[in-house]
Amino acid sequence: MYDQIVFVSEFGYRVSKEKEDLVITYANGTETRYQLRDIKGVYLAGEGRISKAIMLELVERDIDVVLLSKSGNPLIYLIPTWTKPKIWKLWEKQLNLNQRKKIALARRFVLNSIRAKADVLTQLIRNRKKSNPSVADILTSYRNRIRGIEKKIKFLKGDYEELRKHFMGLEGFSARLYFESLKYVIPEDIGFKGLRTRNPPEDLFNAAISFGYGYLRYFVEKEFWLNGINPYYGLLHGEADKIKPFLTFDMMEGFRHWFIDWVVISLVTKSVLKASKHIKKVKDGVHLNKSGVKILMQKLHEEKINKFQKMISKEVESFLNFMIVEK
């Protein structure tokens, strides 16, 4: 199997190498072997041991190495210093973007987000036009309201900070409509109530998309670092008292619904992911369990990752070109 994902969530694992195999040895003494030539990424969510020499070899082979939190957010990822981006000059340009460029980029991010929500609903409507016309009609109503928000955003005027706050308010409203509409699609036994819940998620659907968003965040943030762009200088998202990769969140808006939500919707509606089998309870909520994570990661990788990696790279390149053009 080429472009294989290695995901380890157990406690007490050890990562080693024997000839051309990567070996994962677990606390109970069992092991799993992967051919290095087939591996695309190594994602470590548990606690264990991996040596500097192995991490270096993985990076040299262009294999992603990422340490994840239990909810799927990337804590650490390895990026080689030999990429040598012109960091300081680019960061200076980011900090000194003029109002026109800031407004244009913020508007682009929020429009990408809203269009993605509407497009996902459009596809769900098509799939249910004949099989469940009443649900298709409900989804159409929600989709049209979201399209209305898109039209409003296109023509808003004002200064950057005023518009940014307005954009975020409208994006938040579109998100509430979007998730509310999905309760007519997600099976009742999933426990989804039409709300986006997190920290921790309250149901299987929210747990799966939260983990998926963390996975997507890695790909977006990696592209920024590799291109010398600081992901902490947000243009749409941003809170004065917090330091987070807000530009990553900005860029993710246009991808997460098609890249993550669509796959998760398919998995839960086809009962591939089940609340009875694929969640573990945590305080005040749930997370995906080991088997749930493996199903989601494999499905994302099989169906979407190559296509979306190229799309993300292209979008980051477009952002960079727009930022450095002296106009």
C-alpha atoms as a PDB file:
ATOM      1  CA  MET A   1       0.000   0.000   0.000  1.00  0.00           C
ATOM      2  CA  TYR A   2       1.618   3.246  -1.129  1.00  0.00           C
ATOM      3  CA  ASP A   3       1.301   6.585   0.706  1.00  0.00           C
ATOM      4  CA  GLN A   4       0.377   4.775   3.907  1.00  0.00           C
ATOM      5  CA  ILE A   5      -0.510   6.617   7.099  1.00  0.00           C
ATOM      6  CA  VAL A   6       1.058   5.319  10.330  1.00  0.00           C
ATOM      7  CA  PHE A   7      -1.051   6.326  13.335  1.00  0.00           C
ATOM      8  CA  VAL A   8      -0.066   5.365  16.894  1.00  0.00           C
ATOM      9  CA  SER A   9      -2.227   6.252  19.906  1.00  0.00           C
ATOM     10  CA  GLU A  10      -1.115   3.645  22.480  1.00  0.00           C
ATOM     11  CA  PHE A  11       0.919   4.321  25.612  1.00  0.00           C
ATOM     12  CA  GLY A  12       4.473   2.981  25.826  1.00  0.00           C
ATOM     13  CA  TYR A  13       5.216   2.431  22.132  1.00  0.00           C
ATOM     14  CA  ARG A  14       8.723   2.486  20.632  1.00  0.00           C
ATOM     15  CA  VAL A  15       9.554   3.451  17.053  1.00  0.00           C
ATOM     16  CA  SER A  16      12.597   1.746  15.524  1.00  0.00           C
ATOM     17  CA  LYS A  17      13.998   0.897  12.092  1.00  0.00           C
ATOM     18  CA  GLU A  18      15.167  -2.425  10.690  1.00  0.00           C
ATOM     19  CA  LYS A  19      16.635  -2.225   7.192  1.00  0.00           C
ATOM     20  CA  GLU A  20      13.836  -0.648   5.132  1.00  0.00           C
ATOM     21  CA  ASP A  21      11.076  -1.216   7.676  1.00  0.00           C
ATOM     22  CA  LEU A  22       9.684   1.162  10.275  1.00  0.00           C
ATOM     23  CA  VAL A  23       8.798  -0.907  13.339  1.00  0.00           C
ATOM     24  CA  ILE A  24       6.249   0.110  15.972  1.00  0.00           C
ATOM     25  CA  THR A  25       6.692  -1.970  19.144  1.00  0.00           C
ATOM     26  CA  TYR A  26       3.880  -1.703  21.688  1.00  0.00           C
ATOM     27  CA  ALA A  27       4.001  -1.965  25.481  1.00  0.00           C
ATOM     28  CA  ASN A  28       2.674  -5.554  25.377  1.00  0.00           C
ATOM     29  CA  GLY A  29       5.543  -6.661  23.123  1.00  0.00           C
ATOM     30  CA  THR A  30       3.590  -6.901  19.856  1.00  0.00           C
ATOM     31  CA  GLU A  31       4.819  -4.993  16.830  1.00  0.00           C
ATOM     32  CA  THR A  32       3.675  -3.658  13.474  1.00  0.00           C
ATOM     33  CA  ARG A  33       5.970  -3.187  10.474  1.00  0.00           C
ATOM     34  CA  TYR A  34       5.659  -0.725   7.596  1.00  0.00           C
ATOM     35  CA  GLN A  35       7.874  -0.410   4.553  1.00  0.00           C
ATOM     36  CA  LEU A  36       9.433   3.063   4.598  1.00  0.00           C
ATOM     37  CA  ARG A  37       8.959   3.522   0.865  1.00  0.00           C
ATOM     38  CA  ASP A  38       5.188   3.232   1.324  1.00  0.00           C
ATOM     39  CA  ILE A  39       4.792   5.691   4.220  1.00  0.00           C
ATOM     40  CA  LYS A  40       3.392   9.176   3.693  1.00  0.00           C
ATOM     41  CA  GLY A  41       3.093  10.282   7.304  1.00  0.00           C
ATOM     42  CA  VAL A  42       3.732   9.183  10.892  1.00  0.00           C
ATOM     43  CA  TYR A  43       1.205  10.573  13.390  1.00  0.00           C
ATOM     44  CA  LEU A  44       1.871   9.969  17.077  1.00  0.00           C
ATOM     45  CA  ALA A  45      -0.975  10.652  19.520  1.00  0.00           C
ATOM     46  CA  GLY A  46       0.131   8.371  22.348  1.00  0.00           C
ATOM     47  CA  GLU A  47       3.166   8.534  24.613  1.00  0.00           C
ATOM     48  CA  GLY A  48       6.263   6.585  23.619  1.00  0.00           C
ATOM     49  CA  ARG A  49       9.789   6.773  22.239  1.00  0.00           C
ATOM     50  CA  ILE A  50      11.186   7.821  18.874  1.00  0.00           C
ATOM     51  CA  SER A  51      14.849   8.709  18.382  1.00  0.00           C
ATOM     52  CA  LYS A  52      16.344  11.805  16.790  1.00  0.00           C
ATOM     53  CA  ALA A  53      18.020   9.622  14.139  1.00  0.00           C
ATOM     54  CA  ILE A  54      14.701   8.089  13.058  1.00  0.00           C
ATOM     55  CA  MET A  55      12.932  11.457  13.002  1.00  0.00           C
ATOM     56  CA  LEU A  56      15.725  12.870  10.838  1.00  0.00           C
ATOM     57  CA  GLU A  57      15.556   9.962   8.412  1.00  0.00           C
ATOM     58  CA  LEU A  58      11.786  10.265   8.117  1.00  0.00           C
ATOM     59  CA  VAL A  59      12.059  13.973   7.334  1.00  0.00           C
ATOM     60  CA  GLU A  60      14.840  13.339   4.803  1.00  0.00           C
ATOM     61  CA  ARG A  61      12.543  10.846   3.074  1.00  0.00           C
ATOM     62  CA  ASP A  62       9.831  13.528   2.939  1.00  0.00           C
ATOM     63  CA  ILE A  63       7.662  11.627   5.431  1.00  0.00           C
ATOM     64  CA  ASP A  64       5.491  13.818   7.658  1.00  0.00           C
ATOM     65  CA  VAL A  65       6.155  13.455  11.398  1.00  0.00           C
ATOM     66  CA  VAL A  66       3.462  14.942  13.628  1.00  0.00           C
ATOM     67  CA  LEU A  67       2.736  14.710  17.355  1.00  0.00           C
ATOM     68  CA  LEU A  68      -0.985  15.010  18.005  1.00  0.00           C
ATOM     69  CA  SER A  69      -3.112  15.784  21.029  1.00  0.00           C
ATOM     70  CA  LYS A  70      -5.824  13.316  22.023  1.00  0.00           C
ATOM     71  CA  SER A  71      -8.385  15.418  20.126  1.00  0.00           C
ATOM     72  CA  GLY A  72      -6.273  15.443  16.963  1.00  0.00           C
ATOM     73  CA  ASN A  73      -4.693  18.896  17.106  1.00  0.00           C
ATOM     74  CA  PRO A  74      -1.051  19.020  15.975  1.00  0.00           C
ATOM     75  CA  LEU A  75       1.249  19.783  18.900  1.00  0.00           C
ATOM     76  CA  ILE A  76       4.578  19.419  17.098  1.00  0.00           C
ATOM     77  CA  TYR A  77       5.478  18.807  13.475  1.00  0.00           C
ATOM     78  CA  LEU A  78       8.911  18.555  11.928  1.00  0.00           C
ATOM     79  CA  ILE A  79       9.900  20.945   9.167  1.00  0.00           C
ATOM     80  CA  PRO A  80      13.470  20.777   7.838  1.00  0.00           C
ATOM     81  CA  THR A  81      15.564  23.944   8.146  1.00  0.00           C
ATOM     82  CA  TRP A  82      17.032  23.358   4.686  1.00  0.00           C
ATOM     83  CA  THR A  83      13.860  24.740   3.112  1.00  0.00           C
ATOM     84  CA  LYS A  84      15.431  28.166   3.902  1.00  0.00           C
ATOM     85  CA  PRO A  85      12.454  30.476   3.387  1.00  0.00           C
ATOM     86  CA  LYS A  86      13.127  34.232   3.358  1.00  0.00           C
ATOM     87  CA  ILE A  87      11.303  34.451   6.644  1.00  0.00           C
ATOM     88  CA  TRP A  88      12.025  37.903   7.975  1.00  0.00           C
ATOM     89  CA  LYS A  89      11.289  39.841   4.782  1.00  0.00           C
ATOM     90  CA  LEU A  90       8.031  37.966   4.299  1.00  0.00           C
ATOM     91  CA  TRP A  91       6.970  38.425   7.907  1.00  0.00           C
ATOM     92  CA  GLU A  92       7.652  42.153   7.587  1.00  0.00           C
ATOM     93  CA  LYS A  93       5.391  42.260   4.549  1.00  0.00           C
ATOM     94  CA  GLN A  94       2.694  40.418   6.453  1.00  0.00           C
ATOM     95  CA  LEU A  95       2.837  42.914   9.300  1.00  0.00           C
ATOM     96  CA  ASN A  96       2.719  45.871   6.929  1.00  0.00           C
ATOM     97  CA  LEU A  97      -0.089  44.823   4.592  1.00  0.00           C
ATOM     98  CA  ASN A  98      -2.144  47.820   3.576  1.00  0.00           C
ATOM     99  CA  GLN A  99      -5.845  48.143   4.375  1.00  0.00           C
ATOM    100  CA  ARG A 100      -6.933  47.242   0.853  1.00  0.00           C
ATOM    101  CA  LYS A 101      -5.052  43.944   0.902  1.00  0.00           C
ATOM    102  CA  LYS A 102      -6.190  43.070   4.415  1.00  0.00           C
ATOM    103  CA  ILE A 103      -9.831  43.649   3.463  1.00  0.00           C
ATOM    104  CA  ALA A 104      -9.486  41.702   0.205  1.00  0.00           C
ATOM    105  CA  LEU A 105      -7.909  38.700   1.932  1.00  0.00           C
ATOM    106  CA  ALA A 106     -10.342  38.688   4.866  1.00  0.00           C
ATOM    107  CA  ARG A 107     -13.270  38.890   2.437  1.00  0.00           C
ATOM    108  CA  ARG A 108     -11.810  36.056   0.368  1.00  0.00           C
ATOM    109  CA  PHE A 109     -11.411  33.814   3.433  1.00  0.00           C
ATOM    110  CA  VAL A 110     -14.973  34.342   4.645  1.00  0.00           C
ATOM    111  CA  LEU A 111     -16.464  33.914   1.165  1.00  0.00           C
ATOM    112  CA  ASN A 112     -14.537  30.657   0.710  1.00  0.00           C
ATOM    113  CA  SER A 113     -15.996  29.424   3.997  1.00  0.00           C
ATOM    114  CA  ILE A 114     -19.588  30.327   3.164  1.00  0.00           C
ATOM    115  CA  ARG A 115     -19.406  28.988  -0.386  1.00  0.00           C
ATOM    116  CA  ALA A 116     -18.038  25.680   0.895  1.00  0.00           C
ATOM    117  CA  LYS A 117     -20.973  25.320   3.301  1.00  0.00           C
ATOM    118  CA  ALA A 118     -23.468  26.077   0.543  1.00  0.00           C
ATOM    119  CA  ASP A 119     -21.751  23.692  -1.876  1.00  0.00           C
ATOM    120  CA  VAL A 120     -21.820  20.806   0.619  1.00  0.00           C
ATOM    121  CA  LEU A 121     -25.540  21.386   1.152  1.00  0.00           C
ATOM    122  CA  THR A 122     -26.081  21.545  -2.606  1.00  0.00           C
ATOM    123  CA  GLN A 123     -24.518  18.106  -2.998  1.00  0.00           C
ATOM    124  CA  LEU A 124     -26.596  16.722  -0.121  1.00  0.00           C
ATOM    125  CA  ILE A 125     -29.715  18.139  -1.800  1.00  0.00           C
ATOM    126  CA  ARG A 126     -28.862  16.405  -5.084  1.00  0.00           C
ATOM    127  CA  ASN A 127     -28.337  13.108  -3.307  1.00  0.00           C
ATOM    128  CA  ARG A 128     -31.760  13.335  -1.633  1.00  0.00           C
ATOM    129  CA  LYS A 129     -33.828  14.910  -4.407  1.00  0.00           C
ATOM    130  CA  LYS A 130     -35.490  11.601  -5.279  1.00  0.00           C
ATOM    131  CA  SER A 131     -34.937   9.466  -2.198  1.00  0.00           C
ATOM    132  CA  ASN A 132     -36.075  12.028   0.392  1.00  0.00           C
ATOM    133  CA  PRO A 133     -37.587  15.147  -1.236  1.00  0.00           C
ATOM    134  CA  SER A 134     -38.866  16.617   2.049  1.00  0.00           C
ATOM    135  CA  VAL A 135     -35.342  16.679   3.504  1.00  0.00           C
ATOM    136  CA  ALA A 136     -34.030  18.050   0.192  1.00  0.00           C
ATOM    137  CA  ASP A 137     -36.517  20.932   0.488  1.00  0.00           C
ATOM    138  CA  ILE A 138     -35.397  21.704   4.052  1.00  0.00           C
ATOM    139  CA  LEU A 139     -31.741  21.668   3.033  1.00  0.00           C
ATOM    140  CA  THR A 140     -32.545  23.920   0.079  1.00  0.00           C
ATOM    141  CA  SER A 141     -34.058  26.491   2.422  1.00  0.00           C
ATOM    142  CA  TYR A 142     -30.929  26.512   4.591  1.00  0.00           C
ATOM    143  CA  ARG A 143     -28.643  26.601   1.534  1.00  0.00           C
ATOM    144  CA  ASN A 144     -30.479  29.603   0.102  1.00  0.00           C
ATOM    145  CA  ARG A 145     -30.178  31.518   3.377  1.00  0.00           C
ATOM    146  CA  ILE A 146     -26.441  30.852   3.397  1.00  0.00           C
ATOM    147  CA  ARG A 147     -26.213  32.055  -0.230  1.00  0.00           C
ATOM    148  CA  GLY A 148     -27.936  35.234   0.878  1.00  0.00           C
ATOM    149  CA  ILE A 149     -25.194  35.851   3.430  1.00  0.00           C
ATOM    150  CA  GLU A 150     -22.598  35.340   0.688  1.00  0.00           C
ATOM    151  CA  LYS A 151     -24.210  38.066  -1.442  1.00  0.00           C
ATOM    152  CA  LYS A 152     -24.279  40.444   1.506  1.00  0.00           C
ATOM    153  CA  ILE A 153     -20.570  39.977   2.243  1.00  0.00           C
ATOM    154  CA  LYS A 154     -19.579  40.764  -1.345  1.00  0.00           C
ATOM    155  CA  PHE A 155     -20.890  44.314  -1.077  1.00  0.00           C
ATOM    156  CA  LEU A 156     -20.009  45.297   2.484  1.00  0.00           C
ATOM    157  CA  LYS A 157     -17.856  48.418   2.820  1.00  0.00           C
ATOM    158  CA  GLY A 158     -15.929  49.984   5.687  1.00  0.00           C
ATOM    159  CA  ASP A 159     -12.500  50.034   7.293  1.00  0.00           C
ATOM    160  CA  TYR A 160     -10.583  46.810   7.886  1.00  0.00           C
ATOM    161  CA  GLU A 161     -11.253  46.266  11.587  1.00  0.00           C
ATOM    162  CA  GLU A 162     -14.953  47.083  11.244  1.00  0.00           C
ATOM    163  CA  LEU A 163     -15.326  44.738   8.278  1.00  0.00           C
ATOM    164  CA  ARG A 164     -13.335  41.937   9.920  1.00  0.00           C
ATOM    165  CA  LYS A 165     -15.711  41.882  12.875  1.00  0.00           C
ATOM    166  CA  HIS A 166     -18.719  42.035  10.563  1.00  0.00           C
ATOM    167  CA  PHE A 167     -17.335  39.199   8.428  1.00  0.00           C
ATOM    168  CA  MET A 168     -16.798  37.036  11.517  1.00  0.00           C
ATOM    169  CA  GLY A 169     -20.336  37.693  12.724  1.00  0.00           C
ATOM    170  CA  LEU A 170     -21.833  36.704   9.380  1.00  0.00           C
ATOM    171  CA  GLU A 171     -19.591  33.651   9.102  1.00  0.00           C
ATOM    172  CA  GLY A 172     -20.714  32.584  12.560  1.00  0.00           C
ATOM    173  CA  PHE A 173     -24.358  32.951  11.530  1.00  0.00           C
ATOM    174  CA  SER A 174     -23.770  30.892   8.363  1.00  0.00           C
ATOM    175  CA  ALA A 175     -22.076  28.201  10.491  1.00  0.00           C
ATOM    176  CA  ARG A 176     -25.085  28.014  12.816  1.00  0.00           C
ATOM    177  CA  LEU A 177     -27.391  27.568   9.827  1.00  0.00           C
ATOM    178  CA  TYR A 178     -25.099  24.973   8.276  1.00  0.00           C
ATOM    179  CA  PHE A 179     -24.791  22.757  11.364  1.00  0.00           C
ATOM    180  CA  GLU A 180     -28.481  23.145  12.146  1.00  0.00           C
ATOM    181  CA  SER A 181     -29.310  21.861   8.659  1.00  0.00           C
ATOM    182  CA  LEU A 182     -27.116  18.781   9.121  1.00  0.00           C
ATOM    183  CA  LYS A 183     -29.360  17.420  11.873  1.00  0.00           C
ATOM    184  CA  TYR A 184     -31.757  16.444   9.050  1.00  0.00           C
ATOM    185  CA  VAL A 185     -28.965  14.339   7.490  1.00  0.00           C
ATOM    186  CA  ILE A 186     -27.032  12.841  10.414  1.00  0.00           C
ATOM    187  CA  PRO A 187     -28.697   9.671  11.832  1.00  0.00           C
ATOM    188  CA  GLU A 188     -30.403  10.161  15.201  1.00  0.00           C
ATOM    189  CA  ASP A 189     -28.362   7.463  16.926  1.00  0.00           C
ATOM    190  CA  ILE A 190     -25.227   9.590  16.449  1.00  0.00           C
ATOM    191  CA  GLY A 191     -26.595  12.013  19.049  1.00  0.00           C
ATOM    192  CA  PHE A 192     -25.957  15.124  16.940  1.00  0.00           C
ATOM    193  CA  LYS A 193     -28.363  17.964  17.800  1.00  0.00           C
ATOM    194  CA  GLY A 194     -27.565  20.437  15.040  1.00  0.00           C
ATOM    195  CA  LEU A 195     -24.918  22.282  17.042  1.00  0.00           C
ATOM    196  CA  ARG A 196     -21.155  22.536  16.717  1.00  0.00           C
ATOM    197  CA  THR A 197     -19.710  21.419  20.054  1.00  0.00           C
ATOM    198  CA  ARG A 198     -16.040  21.183  21.038  1.00  0.00           C
ATOM    199  CA  ASN A 199     -13.616  21.182  23.984  1.00  0.00           C
ATOM    200  CA  PRO A 200     -14.795  18.452  24.288  1.00  0.00           C
ATOM    201  CA  PRO A 201     -17.253  17.420  21.546  1.00  0.00           C
ATOM    202  CA  GLU A 202     -20.576  16.050  22.761  1.00  0.00           C
ATOM    203  CA  ASP A 203     -21.298  13.450  20.051  1.00  0.00           C
ATOM    204  CA  LEU A 204     -19.636  11.235  17.460  1.00  0.00           C
ATOM    205  CA  PHE A 205     -20.110  13.645  14.538  1.00  0.00           C
ATOM    206  CA  ASN A 206     -18.530  16.566  16.395  1.00  0.00           C
ATOM    207  CA  ALA A 207     -15.736  14.351  17.715  1.00  0.00           C
ATOM    208  CA  ALA A 208     -14.921  13.148  14.195  1.00  0.00           C
ATOM    209  CA  ILE A 209     -14.892  16.583  12.554  1.00  0.00           C
ATOM    210  CA  SER A 210     -12.855  18.014  15.440  1.00  0.00           C
ATOM    211  CA  PHE A 211     -10.209  15.356  14.934  1.00  0.00           C
ATOM    212  CA  GLY A 212     -10.361  15.926  11.197  1.00  0.00           C
ATOM    213  CA  TYR A 213      -9.958  19.678  11.560  1.00  0.00           C
ATOM    214  CA  GLY A 214      -6.797  19.074  13.578  1.00  0.00           C
ATOM    215  CA  TYR A 215      -5.515  16.878  10.749  1.00  0.00           C
ATOM    216  CA  LEU A 216      -6.348  19.555   8.172  1.00  0.00           C
ATOM    217  CA  ARG A 217      -4.726  22.243  10.318  1.00  0.00           C
ATOM    218  CA  TYR A 218      -1.424  20.419  10.036  1.00  0.00           C
ATOM    219  CA  PHE A 219      -1.444  20.505   6.230  1.00  0.00           C
ATOM    220  CA  VAL A 220      -2.336  24.201   6.049  1.00  0.00           C
ATOM    221  CA  GLU A 221       0.133  25.280   8.727  1.00  0.00           C
ATOM    222  CA  LYS A 222       2.909  23.201   7.187  1.00  0.00           C
ATOM    223  CA  GLU A 223       2.445  24.971   3.836  1.00  0.00           C
ATOM    224  CA  PHE A 224       2.686  28.368   5.517  1.00  0.00           C
ATOM    225  CA  TRP A 225       5.929  27.518   7.318  1.00  0.00           C
ATOM    226  CA  LEU A 226       7.476  25.974   4.219  1.00  0.00           C
ATOM    227  CA  ASN A 227       6.690  29.144   2.267  1.00  0.00           C
ATOM    228  CA  GLY A 228       8.028  31.469   4.962  1.00  0.00           C
ATOM    229  CA  ILE A 229       4.596  32.762   5.998  1.00  0.00           C
ATOM    230  CA  ASN A 230       3.804  33.295   9.679  1.00  0.00           C
ATOM    231  CA  PRO A 231       0.545  31.439  10.456  1.00  0.00           C
ATOM    232  CA  TYR A 232       0.006  33.541  13.600  1.00  0.00           C
ATOM    233  CA  TYR A 233      -0.731  36.783  11.714  1.00  0.00           C
ATOM    234  CA  GLY A 234      -4.463  36.311  11.177  1.00  0.00           C
ATOM    235  CA  LEU A 235      -6.545  38.521   8.910  1.00  0.00           C
ATOM    236  CA  LEU A 236     -10.054  37.202   9.577  1.00  0.00           C
ATOM    237  CA  HIS A 237      -9.742  35.366  12.889  1.00  0.00           C
ATOM    238  CA  GLY A 238      -7.946  36.965  15.801  1.00  0.00           C
ATOM    239  CA  GLU A 239      -8.289  37.707  19.498  1.00  0.00           C
ATOM    240  CA  ALA A 240      -6.083  40.392  21.025  1.00  0.00           C
ATOM    241  CA  ASP A 241      -5.452  38.456  24.234  1.00  0.00           C
ATOM    242  CA  LYS A 242      -4.599  35.108  22.594  1.00  0.00           C
ATOM    243  CA  ILE A 243      -1.714  33.755  20.549  1.00  0.00           C
ATOM    244  CA  LYS A 244      -2.946  31.149  18.099  1.00  0.00           C
ATOM    245  CA  PRO A 245      -2.263  30.307  14.421  1.00  0.00           C
ATOM    246  CA  PHE A 246      -5.145  32.514  13.296  1.00  0.00           C
ATOM    247  CA  LEU A 247      -4.002  32.699   9.658  1.00  0.00           C
ATOM    248  CA  THR A 248      -4.158  28.894   9.569  1.00  0.00           C
ATOM    249  CA  PHE A 249      -7.754  29.095  10.796  1.00  0.00           C
ATOM    250  CA  ASP A 250      -8.458  31.708   8.092  1.00  0.00           C
ATOM    251  CA  MET A 251      -7.143  29.475   5.321  1.00  0.00           C
ATOM    252  CA  MET A 252      -8.840  26.341   6.684  1.00  0.00           C
ATOM    253  CA  GLU A 253     -12.262  27.931   6.273  1.00  0.00           C
ATOM    254  CA  GLY A 254     -12.366  27.189   2.570  1.00  0.00           C
ATOM    255  CA  PHE A 255     -11.368  23.541   2.933  1.00  0.00           C
ATOM    256  CA  ARG A 256     -12.722  21.979   6.094  1.00  0.00           C
ATOM    257  CA  HIS A 257     -16.322  21.391   4.973  1.00  0.00           C
ATOM    258  CA  TRP A 258     -15.401  19.547   1.777  1.00  0.00           C
ATOM    259  CA  PHE A 259     -12.247  17.948   3.117  1.00  0.00           C
ATOM    260  CA  ILE A 260     -13.516  16.864   6.539  1.00  0.00           C
ATOM    261  CA  ASP A 261     -17.286  17.283   6.938  1.00  0.00           C
ATOM    262  CA  TRP A 262     -18.164  15.550   3.685  1.00  0.00           C
ATOM    263  CA  VAL A 263     -16.123  12.470   4.566  1.00  0.00           C
ATOM    264  CA  VAL A 264     -17.512  12.306   8.113  1.00  0.00           C
ATOM    265  CA  ILE A 265     -21.105  12.721   6.876  1.00  0.00           C
ATOM    266  CA  SER A 266     -20.535   9.800   4.519  1.00  0.00           C
ATOM    267  CA  LEU A 267     -19.033   7.632   7.270  1.00  0.00           C
ATOM    268  CA  VAL A 268     -21.853   8.211   9.762  1.00  0.00           C
ATOM    269  CA  THR A 269     -24.744   7.993   7.284  1.00  0.00           C
ATOM    270  CA  LYS A 270     -23.368   4.686   5.979  1.00  0.00           C
ATOM    271  CA  SER A 271     -22.824   3.438   9.559  1.00  0.00           C
ATOM    272  CA  VAL A 272     -19.096   2.966   9.026  1.00  0.00           C
ATOM    273  CA  LEU A 273     -18.565   5.161  12.085  1.00  0.00           C
ATOM    274  CA  LYS A 274     -20.926   4.207  14.915  1.00  0.00           C
ATOM    275  CA  ALA A 275     -21.532   5.815  18.300  1.00  0.00           C
ATOM    276  CA  SER A 276     -21.723   2.352  19.845  1.00  0.00           C
ATOM    277  CA  LYS A 277     -18.255   1.387  18.626  1.00  0.00           C
ATOM    278  CA  HIS A 278     -16.097   4.389  17.874  1.00  0.00           C
ATOM    279  CA  ILE A 279     -16.194   6.872  20.748  1.00  0.00           C
ATOM    280  CA  LYS A 280     -14.736   6.989  24.223  1.00  0.00           C
ATOM    281  CA  LYS A 281     -16.213   9.074  27.014  1.00  0.00           C
ATOM    282  CA  VAL A 282     -14.225  11.926  28.523  1.00  0.00           C
ATOM    283  CA  LYS A 283     -15.266  14.518  31.075  1.00  0.00           C
ATOM    284  CA  ASP A 284     -18.333  16.363  29.713  1.00  0.00           C
ATOM    285  CA  GLY A 285     -18.075  14.807  26.259  1.00  0.00           C
ATOM    286  CA  VAL A 286     -16.560  12.227  23.915  1.00  0.00           C
ATOM    287  CA  HIS A 287     -13.532  11.679  21.682  1.00  0.00           C
ATOM    288  CA  LEU A 288     -12.995   9.238  18.840  1.00  0.00           C
ATOM    289  CA  ASN A 289     -11.464   6.015  20.099  1.00  0.00           C
ATOM    290  CA  LYS A 290      -8.504   4.295  18.456  1.00  0.00           C
ATOM    291  CA  SER A 291     -10.563   2.367  15.912  1.00  0.00           C
ATOM    292  CA  GLY A 292     -12.616   5.452  15.063  1.00  0.00           C
ATOM    293  CA  VAL A 293      -9.498   7.506  14.438  1.00  0.00           C
ATOM    294  CA  LYS A 294      -8.020   4.830  12.182  1.00  0.00           C
ATOM    295  CA  ILE A 295     -11.200   4.633  10.097  1.00  0.00           C
ATOM    296  CA  LEU A 296     -11.354   8.410   9.718  1.00  0.00           C
ATOM    297  CA  MET A 297      -7.657   8.881   8.966  1.00  0.00           C
ATOM    298  CA  GLN A 298      -7.631   6.129   6.372  1.00  0.00           C
ATOM    299  CA  LYS A 299     -10.770   7.426   4.669  1.00  0.00           C
ATOM    300  CA  LEU A 300      -9.476  10.990   4.564  1.00  0.00           C
ATOM    301  CA  HIS A 301      -6.211   9.810   3.151  1.00  0.00           C
ATOM    302  CA  GLU A 302      -7.702   7.471   0.573  1.00  0.00           C
ATOM    303  CA  GLU A 303     -10.284   9.862  -0.788  1.00  0.00           C
ATOM    304  CA  LYS A 304      -9.088  13.385  -0.263  1.00  0.00           C
ATOM    305  CA  ILE A 305      -5.548  14.050   0.829  1.00  0.00           C
ATOM    306  CA  ASN A 306      -3.679  14.112  -2.486  1.00  0.00           C
ATOM    307  CA  LYS A 307      -6.269  16.331  -4.115  1.00  0.00           C
ATOM    308  CA  PHE A 308      -6.516  18.703  -1.182  1.00  0.00           C
ATOM    309  CA  GLN A 309      -2.772  18.930  -0.607  1.00  0.00           C
ATOM    310  CA  LYS A 310      -2.469  20.315  -4.115  1.00  0.00           C
ATOM    311  CA  MET A 311      -5.393  22.689  -3.565  1.00  0.00           C
ATOM    312  CA  ILE A 312      -3.969  23.929  -0.257  1.00  0.00           C
ATOM    313  CA  SER A 313      -0.524  24.446  -1.822  1.00  0.00           C
ATOM    314  CA  LYS A 314      -2.080  26.414  -4.670  1.00  0.00           C
ATOM    315  CA  GLU A 315      -4.117  28.585  -2.290  1.00  0.00           C
ATOM    316  CA  VAL A 316      -1.084  29.345  -0.091  1.00  0.00           C
ATOM    317  CA  GLU A 317       0.935  30.194  -3.204  1.00  0.00           C
ATOM    318  CA  SER A 318      -1.845  32.542  -4.324  1.00  0.00           C
ATOM    319  CA  PHE A 319      -1.876  34.177  -0.889  1.00  0.00           C
ATOM    320  CA  LEU A 320       1.893  34.638  -1.019  1.00  0.00           C
ATOM    321  CA  ASN A 321       1.825  36.164  -4.494  1.00  0.00           C
ATOM    322  CA  PHE A 322      -0.938  38.576  -3.531  1.00  0.00           C
ATOM    323  CA  MET A 323       0.934  39.566  -0.377  1.00  0.00           C
ATOM    324  CA  ILE A 324       4.289  40.345  -1.997  1.00  0.00           C
ATOM    325  CA  VAL A 325       3.079  42.178  -5.111  1.00  0.00           C
ATOM    326  CA  GLU A 326       3.856  45.851  -4.561  1.00  0.00           C
ATOM    327  CA  LYS A 327       0.436  47.408  -5.174  1.00  0.00           C
END
